[in-house]
């Protein structure tokens, strides 16, 4: 196995070059997973994102539909696991059965 089961964080390999790149990428994903704050649902990624921008992609025609897109010097994509909860404008959403559903209070 060369990555974690749930979020695909990459493990370091013996004699791997560029270990700091792998660690830094994993830290960006972990940082997001800790906060779970999403800017918005979008169909297309913005042309000039800022580091830290993140969105949920809503486009049935894309392989990244329902994925979380995180920008930090490039885009990373997370496929959420069932029952993953995130917040958009302080409103909770849960990923269930391949779709995001607003959690009603």
Protein backbone atom coordinates (compact mmCIF):
# COMPACT_ATOMS: atom_id res chain seq x y z
CA UNK A 1 0.00 0.00 0.00
CA UNK A 2 1.42 3.40 -0.93
CA UNK A 3 -1.33 5.69 0.37
CA UNK A 4 -3.90 5.96 3.15
CA UNK A 5 -7.25 4.26 2.64
CA UNK A 6 -9.68 7.13 3.22
CA UNK A 7 -8.06 10.22 1.69
CA UNK A 8 -5.17 8.91 -0.37
CA UNK A 9 -2.42 10.65 1.61
CA UNK A 10 0.84 9.38 0.18
CA UNK A 11 3.30 7.43 2.29
CA UNK A 12 7.02 8.11 2.06
CA UNK A 13 9.12 5.50 0.28
CA UNK A 14 12.60 4.40 1.21
CA UNK A 15 15.17 6.50 -0.70
CA UNK A 16 12.40 8.71 -2.10
CA UNK A 17 13.53 11.96 -3.67
CA UNK A 18 11.51 15.05 -2.81
CA UNK A 19 10.16 13.76 0.50
CA UNK A 20 9.36 17.33 1.50
CA UNK A 21 6.90 17.60 -1.44
CA UNK A 22 4.99 14.55 -0.26
CA UNK A 23 4.92 15.74 3.34
CA UNK A 24 3.89 19.28 2.33
CA UNK A 25 1.06 17.99 0.12
CA UNK A 26 -0.20 15.74 2.92
CA UNK A 27 -0.06 18.66 5.37
CA UNK A 28 -2.25 20.79 3.07
CA UNK A 29 -4.86 18.01 2.95
CA UNK A 30 -4.71 17.46 6.73
CA UNK A 31 -5.04 21.21 7.33
CA UNK A 32 -8.23 21.26 5.26
CA UNK A 33 -9.62 18.10 6.85
CA UNK A 34 -9.22 19.70 10.26
CA UNK A 35 -11.23 22.83 9.38
CA UNK A 36 -13.72 21.39 6.84
CA UNK A 37 -14.69 24.91 5.77
CA UNK A 38 -15.72 25.18 2.10
CA UNK A 39 -16.15 28.44 0.18
CA UNK A 40 -18.98 27.25 -2.06
CA UNK A 41 -20.29 24.76 -4.58
CA UNK A 42 -18.98 25.54 -8.08
CA UNK A 43 -19.19 24.08 -11.56
CA UNK A 44 -15.84 25.35 -12.84
CA UNK A 45 -12.65 26.09 -10.94
CA UNK A 46 -11.71 29.79 -10.79
CA UNK A 47 -8.95 31.01 -13.10
CA UNK A 48 -7.07 32.97 -10.41
CA UNK A 49 -7.52 31.14 -7.10
CA UNK A 50 -5.69 32.12 -3.95
CA UNK A 51 -3.83 29.69 -1.74
CA UNK A 52 -6.33 28.19 0.68
CA UNK A 53 -9.33 28.44 -1.66
CA UNK A 54 -11.47 25.31 -1.65
CA UNK A 55 -14.72 24.34 -3.30
CA UNK A 56 -17.03 21.41 -3.91
CA UNK A 57 -17.32 20.68 -7.61
CA UNK A 58 -20.89 20.16 -8.82
CA UNK A 59 -20.80 19.05 -12.45
CA UNK A 60 -22.13 15.61 -13.39
CA UNK A 61 -20.01 15.63 -16.56
CA UNK A 62 -16.70 15.82 -14.65
CA UNK A 63 -14.87 12.91 -13.04
CA UNK A 64 -14.30 15.23 -10.07
CA UNK A 65 -18.04 15.80 -9.50
CA UNK A 66 -18.73 16.09 -5.74
CA UNK A 67 -14.98 16.15 -5.00
CA UNK A 68 -13.45 18.82 -2.80
CA UNK A 69 -10.95 20.97 -4.68
CA UNK A 70 -8.23 22.59 -2.56
CA UNK A 71 -5.82 25.16 -3.99
CA UNK A 72 -2.31 25.67 -2.67
CA UNK A 73 0.17 26.43 -5.45
CA UNK A 74 -1.90 24.00 -7.53
CA UNK A 75 -5.14 22.04 -7.23
CA UNK A 76 -5.60 18.93 -5.11
CA UNK A 77 -8.82 16.91 -5.13
CA UNK A 78 -10.34 14.86 -2.36
CA UNK A 79 -13.09 12.34 -2.95
CA UNK A 80 -15.10 12.51 0.27
CA UNK A 81 -16.00 9.38 2.15
CA UNK A 82 -19.58 8.54 3.10
CA UNK A 83 -20.84 10.72 5.98
CA UNK A 84 -18.03 13.28 5.60
CA UNK A 85 -19.33 16.59 6.96
CA UNK A 86 -18.25 20.04 5.76
CA UNK A 87 -19.48 23.59 6.30
CA UNK A 88 -20.46 26.08 3.61
CA UNK A 89 -21.37 29.54 4.94
CA UNK A 90 -21.71 27.99 8.41
CA UNK A 91 -24.30 25.53 7.09
CA UNK A 92 -23.47 21.83 7.59
CA UNK A 93 -23.50 19.49 4.61
CA UNK A 94 -22.91 15.77 4.61
CA UNK A 95 -21.68 13.57 1.79
CA UNK A 96 -23.99 10.56 1.60
CA UNK A 97 -24.74 8.14 -1.25
CA UNK A 98 -22.52 10.06 -3.69
CA UNK A 99 -24.22 13.40 -3.07
CA UNK A 100 -23.96 16.39 -0.74
CA UNK A 101 -27.01 16.93 1.44
CA UNK A 102 -27.68 19.88 3.70
CA UNK A 103 -28.09 18.79 7.31
CA UNK A 104 -31.34 20.22 8.56
CA UNK A 105 -31.32 21.58 12.09
